[in-house]
Amino acid sequence: MAQAEFLNRVGVNYLFTPWISWLLLLQSAPFVKPGTVPCHILWWVFVAPVVALDVKIYGQWFIKGKRFLSTVANPTSQLSVIGNLVAAWAAARLAWAESALCLFSLGMVHYLVLFVTLYQRLSGGEFLPPMLRPTFFLLFAAPSMASLAWESIASEFDTGSKMLYFLSLFLFASLLCRPMLFKRSMRKFNVAWWAYSFTLTFLALASIEYAREVKGHIPRALMFILSTLSVLVSIILTILTLLNTKMLLPSDDPVLAEMEQRLPSTR
């Protein structure tokens, strides 16, 4: 299954998600204190796969071949960028300024290239399947995460963080104005809907930091609306997932089907 995902231009990006989740949990785990040796070891354990995937995937993007960026770019490609930004955020909280800056710069450079590629629709591949269109919400997750990461590096929600936050708000508003884009994907529940919760949480966290830095009714209103929306979406998706547990690993999963086609028969 892992081999099939790695060979899939969409599935390969989801290899970043376990490490993103663990890095986020590392910062909130009550039994692992920041700055301790176990925390440092766990950070390296979780970041090493992210860097390894970076070397492999980013290398394919700029080296001529079958999987260079203009042929494989899709909204899920931003998970690779988010992985670097989350790692930078965690490193900054461990007071590892150089590591945080390194990972942040790596993520942002590739985010700019990826954003331009997606913005100009340079991808030569097929359009994203309708069921995966919720992943378009990743468009504003990356700048939201970048604003949080830079805030941790700079020790304040400065102009750079605000610019990234405003970009994420603009992209979020742009998607809200196009509900028909998600009409077909909303007909039946699938796990791709979790892209709504994942991205809204990052935007809500960024809005909280912005409201702390900029006092006023509008920042507080944005913080309240986005935080409430994030919580409600997470609760609804949790309930729907519990009611549809059979969909987590369906027998007709397209990734499994591709794996069976690629691997030689053992009969």
Protein backbone atom coordinates (compact mmCIF):
# COMPACT_ATOMS: atom_id res chain seq x y z
CA MET A 1 0.00 0.00 0.00
CA ALA A 2 2.84 2.40 0.82
CA GLN A 3 4.44 1.64 -2.54
CA ALA A 4 1.19 2.38 -4.35
CA GLU A 5 0.79 5.68 -2.53
CA PHE A 6 4.35 6.70 -3.31
CA LEU A 7 3.79 6.07 -7.01
CA ASN A 8 0.54 8.04 -7.01
CA ARG A 9 0.85 11.79 -7.63
CA VAL A 10 -1.83 12.49 -5.02
CA GLY A 11 -1.15 9.71 -2.54
CA VAL A 12 2.55 10.50 -2.22
CA ASN A 13 1.73 13.82 -0.58
CA TYR A 14 -0.26 12.10 2.16
CA LEU A 15 2.92 10.40 3.33
CA PHE A 16 3.64 13.70 5.09
CA THR A 17 0.45 13.65 7.16
CA PRO A 18 1.51 11.19 9.91
CA TRP A 19 4.62 13.23 10.65
CA ILE A 20 2.69 16.50 10.58
CA SER A 21 0.25 15.03 13.10
CA TRP A 22 3.02 13.78 15.38
CA LEU A 23 4.82 17.13 15.30
CA LEU A 24 1.61 18.90 16.26
CA LEU A 25 0.96 16.42 19.05
CA LEU A 26 4.52 16.83 20.28
CA GLN A 27 3.85 20.49 20.99
CA SER A 28 0.68 19.79 22.93
CA ALA A 29 1.55 16.54 24.71
CA PRO A 30 1.39 17.11 28.50
CA PHE A 31 3.83 14.30 29.28
CA VAL A 32 6.67 15.64 27.08
CA LYS A 33 8.07 18.91 28.36
CA PRO A 34 9.58 21.29 25.78
CA GLY A 35 13.35 21.52 25.89
CA THR A 36 13.89 18.10 27.42
CA VAL A 37 15.99 15.37 25.84
CA PRO A 38 12.97 13.15 24.99
CA CYS A 39 11.34 16.09 23.24
CA HIS A 40 14.48 16.76 21.20
CA ILE A 41 14.79 13.09 20.24
CA LEU A 42 11.15 12.88 19.19
CA TRP A 43 11.52 16.03 17.09
CA TRP A 44 14.37 14.46 15.15
CA VAL A 45 12.44 11.20 14.75
CA PHE A 46 9.44 13.03 13.30
CA VAL A 47 11.39 15.50 11.15
CA ALA A 48 13.80 13.01 9.57
CA PRO A 49 11.08 11.38 7.38
CA VAL A 50 9.85 14.84 6.32
CA VAL A 51 13.33 15.84 5.17
CA ALA A 52 13.82 12.48 3.44
CA LEU A 53 10.56 12.93 1.54
CA ASP A 54 11.59 16.50 0.70
CA VAL A 55 14.81 15.32 -0.89
CA LYS A 56 12.98 12.73 -2.94
CA ILE A 57 9.92 14.74 -4.01
CA TYR A 58 11.51 18.16 -4.45
CA GLY A 59 14.33 16.54 -6.38
CA GLN A 60 11.81 15.09 -8.80
CA TRP A 61 10.18 18.48 -9.22
CA PHE A 62 13.19 20.29 -10.66
CA ILE A 63 14.98 17.41 -12.38
CA LYS A 64 13.62 16.59 -15.81
CA GLY A 65 11.65 13.37 -15.80
CA LYS A 66 8.16 11.93 -15.68
CA ARG A 67 7.28 13.51 -12.32
CA PHE A 68 8.48 17.09 -12.57
CA LEU A 69 6.25 19.70 -10.98
CA SER A 70 4.29 20.94 -13.98
CA THR A 71 2.91 17.43 -14.57
CA VAL A 72 2.13 16.34 -11.00
CA ALA A 73 1.16 19.57 -9.20
CA ASN A 74 -2.18 19.42 -7.41
CA PRO A 75 -3.60 20.94 -4.19
CA THR A 76 -2.39 18.00 -2.08
CA SER A 77 1.19 18.87 -3.08
CA GLN A 78 1.02 21.59 -0.44
CA LEU A 79 1.15 18.95 2.28
CA SER A 80 4.88 18.72 1.63
CA VAL A 81 5.17 22.46 2.27
CA ILE A 82 3.02 22.26 5.40
CA GLY A 83 5.25 19.48 6.71
CA ASN A 84 8.27 21.77 6.57
CA LEU A 85 6.41 24.67 8.14
CA VAL A 86 5.08 22.56 11.02
CA ALA A 87 8.60 21.25 11.61
CA ALA A 88 9.88 24.84 11.63
CA TRP A 89 7.15 25.85 14.08
CA ALA A 90 8.10 23.01 16.41
CA ALA A 91 11.82 23.80 16.12
CA ALA A 92 11.22 27.45 16.99
CA ARG A 93 9.33 26.41 20.11
CA LEU A 94 12.35 24.33 21.09
CA ALA A 95 14.50 27.47 20.69
CA TRP A 96 16.33 25.97 17.71
CA ALA A 97 16.36 29.15 15.67
CA GLU A 98 18.68 27.96 12.90
CA SER A 99 16.82 24.70 12.33
CA ALA A 100 13.52 26.55 12.32
CA LEU A 101 14.77 29.12 9.82
CA CYS A 102 16.21 26.40 7.59
CA LEU A 103 12.97 24.44 7.43
CA PHE A 104 10.90 27.60 7.06
CA SER A 105 12.95 28.83 4.11
CA LEU A 106 12.81 25.39 2.48
CA GLY A 107 9.05 25.27 2.81
CA MET A 108 8.38 28.83 1.67
CA VAL A 109 10.57 28.66 -1.43
CA HIS A 110 8.77 25.56 -2.64
CA TYR A 111 5.42 27.04 -1.62
CA LEU A 112 6.00 30.01 -3.92
CA VAL A 113 6.93 27.74 -6.81
CA LEU A 114 3.98 25.46 -6.15
CA PHE A 115 1.55 28.35 -5.70
CA VAL A 116 2.53 29.88 -9.04
CA THR A 117 2.22 26.49 -10.75
CA LEU A 118 -1.26 25.90 -9.35
CA TYR A 119 -2.33 29.51 -9.90
CA GLN A 120 -1.42 29.40 -13.58
CA ARG A 121 -2.85 25.90 -14.04
CA LEU A 122 0.42 24.63 -15.50
CA SER A 123 -0.23 21.07 -14.41
CA GLY A 124 -0.33 18.78 -17.39
CA GLY A 125 -2.10 15.97 -15.59
CA GLU A 126 -5.78 15.27 -15.22
CA PHE A 127 -7.90 17.43 -12.98
CA LEU A 128 -8.31 16.40 -9.37
CA PRO A 129 -11.15 13.87 -8.88
CA PRO A 130 -14.34 15.47 -7.51
CA MET A 131 -14.11 13.50 -4.25
CA LEU A 132 -10.74 15.15 -3.50
CA ARG A 133 -11.81 18.72 -4.16
CA PRO A 134 -11.97 19.50 -0.42
CA THR A 135 -8.17 19.49 -0.60
CA PHE A 136 -8.42 22.86 -2.34
CA PHE A 137 -8.70 24.19 1.22
CA LEU A 138 -5.00 23.41 1.56
CA LEU A 139 -4.45 26.54 -0.53
CA PHE A 140 -4.86 28.69 2.57
CA ALA A 141 -3.51 26.19 5.09
CA ALA A 142 0.08 26.72 3.98
CA PRO A 143 0.17 30.53 4.47
CA SER A 144 -1.74 30.14 7.74
CA MET A 145 0.86 27.70 9.02
CA ALA A 146 3.63 29.92 7.67
CA SER A 147 2.33 32.88 9.66
CA LEU A 148 2.40 30.80 12.84
CA ALA A 149 5.87 29.45 12.09
CA TRP A 150 7.28 32.89 11.39
CA GLU A 151 5.64 34.24 14.54
CA SER A 152 7.51 31.61 16.56
CA ILE A 153 10.79 32.37 14.79
CA ALA A 154 10.49 36.16 15.11
CA SER A 155 8.96 35.94 18.61
CA GLU A 156 6.15 38.27 17.53
CA PHE A 157 3.30 38.42 15.05
CA ASP A 158 5.09 40.97 12.90
CA THR A 159 4.51 42.29 9.39
CA GLY A 160 5.62 39.06 7.73
CA SER A 161 3.17 36.99 9.76
CA LYS A 162 0.38 39.46 9.07
CA MET A 163 1.01 39.36 5.31
CA LEU A 164 0.81 35.57 5.30
CA TYR A 165 -2.32 35.68 7.45
CA PHE A 166 -4.01 38.14 5.10
CA LEU A 167 -3.11 35.93 2.14
CA SER A 168 -4.72 32.94 3.83
CA LEU A 169 -7.86 34.98 4.54
CA PHE A 170 -8.07 36.04 0.90
CA LEU A 171 -7.69 32.47 -0.36
CA PHE A 172 -10.27 31.27 2.16
CA ALA A 173 -12.74 33.93 1.02
CA SER A 174 -12.07 33.03 -2.62
CA LEU A 175 -12.98 29.40 -1.97
CA LEU A 176 -16.12 30.35 -0.03
CA CYS A 177 -17.30 32.30 -3.05
CA ARG A 178 -17.14 29.15 -5.19
CA PRO A 179 -19.43 26.61 -3.49
CA MET A 180 -20.19 24.88 -6.80
CA LEU A 181 -16.59 23.68 -6.89
CA PHE A 182 -17.36 21.38 -3.95
CA LYS A 183 -20.91 20.39 -4.90
CA ARG A 184 -20.04 16.95 -6.30
CA SER A 185 -17.65 16.13 -3.46
CA MET A 186 -20.35 16.87 -0.86
CA ARG A 187 -22.89 14.38 -2.18
CA LYS A 188 -21.46 11.55 -0.11
CA PHE A 189 -19.18 11.56 2.91
CA ASN A 190 -15.55 10.60 2.41
CA VAL A 191 -12.41 11.05 4.48
CA ALA A 192 -11.24 13.87 2.21
CA TRP A 193 -13.72 16.07 4.08
CA TRP A 194 -11.19 16.22 6.91
CA ALA A 195 -9.31 18.71 4.76
CA TYR A 196 -11.92 21.24 5.88
CA SER A 197 -11.15 20.77 9.58
CA PHE A 198 -7.39 20.50 9.18
CA THR A 199 -7.11 23.76 7.26
CA LEU A 200 -9.67 25.73 9.26
CA THR A 201 -7.79 24.88 12.45
CA PHE A 202 -4.59 26.44 11.14
CA LEU A 203 -6.49 29.53 10.01
CA ALA A 204 -8.21 29.80 13.39
CA LEU A 205 -4.88 29.53 15.22
CA ALA A 206 -3.44 32.28 13.05
CA SER A 207 -6.48 34.46 13.73
CA ILE A 208 -5.95 34.00 17.48
CA GLU A 209 -2.36 35.20 17.23
CA TYR A 210 -3.45 38.13 15.06
CA ALA A 211 -6.13 39.13 17.58
CA ARG A 212 -3.54 39.07 20.36
CA GLU A 213 -1.26 41.36 18.40
CA VAL A 214 -3.85 43.73 16.91
CA LYS A 215 -6.50 44.93 19.31
CA GLY A 216 -9.91 45.74 17.92
CA HIS A 217 -13.38 44.44 17.22
CA ILE A 218 -12.65 43.08 13.74
CA PRO A 219 -9.68 40.87 14.77
CA ARG A 220 -11.70 39.55 17.71
CA ALA A 221 -14.70 38.87 15.49
CA LEU A 222 -12.52 36.99 13.00
CA MET A 223 -10.99 34.98 15.82
CA PHE A 224 -14.40 34.07 17.24
CA ILE A 225 -15.95 33.18 13.88
CA LEU A 226 -13.04 31.09 12.62
CA SER A 227 -12.49 29.34 15.96
CA THR A 228 -16.17 28.49 16.28
CA LEU A 229 -16.31 27.28 12.70
CA SER A 230 -13.23 25.12 13.23
CA VAL A 231 -14.69 23.47 16.34
CA LEU A 232 -18.09 22.86 14.75
CA VAL A 233 -16.59 21.36 11.60
CA SER A 234 -14.32 19.10 13.66
CA ILE A 235 -17.22 17.85 15.77
CA ILE A 236 -19.42 17.20 12.74
CA LEU A 237 -16.65 15.35 10.91
CA THR A 238 -15.89 13.25 13.97
CA ILE A 239 -19.52 12.16 14.19
CA LEU A 240 -19.72 11.43 10.46
CA THR A 241 -16.49 9.44 10.59
CA LEU A 242 -17.77 7.33 13.49
CA LEU A 243 -20.93 6.64 11.52
CA ASN A 244 -18.96 5.67 8.41
CA THR A 245 -15.99 3.72 9.74
CA LYS A 246 -16.16 1.27 6.83
CA MET A 247 -15.07 4.07 4.50
CA LEU A 248 -11.68 4.47 6.17
CA LEU A 249 -10.24 1.47 4.32
CA PRO A 250 -12.82 0.41 1.73
CA SER A 251 -12.40 -2.78 -0.24
CA ASP A 252 -12.51 -0.82 -3.50
CA ASP A 253 -9.94 1.76 -2.42
CA PRO A 254 -8.32 3.24 -5.57
CA VAL A 255 -4.86 3.13 -4.02
CA LEU A 256 -5.17 -0.58 -3.25
CA ALA A 257 -6.46 -1.20 -6.76
CA GLU A 258 -3.45 0.56 -8.24
CA MET A 259 -1.11 -1.44 -6.01
CA GLU A 260 -2.64 -4.71 -7.23
CA GLN A 261 -2.14 -3.61 -10.84
CA ARG A 262 1.50 -2.61 -10.37
CA LEU A 263 2.70 -5.51 -8.21
CA PRO A 264 3.34 -8.82 -9.97
CA SER A 265 0.92 -11.64 -9.34
CA THR A 266 1.97 -14.22 -6.74
CA ARG A 267 -0.21 -16.96 -8.13
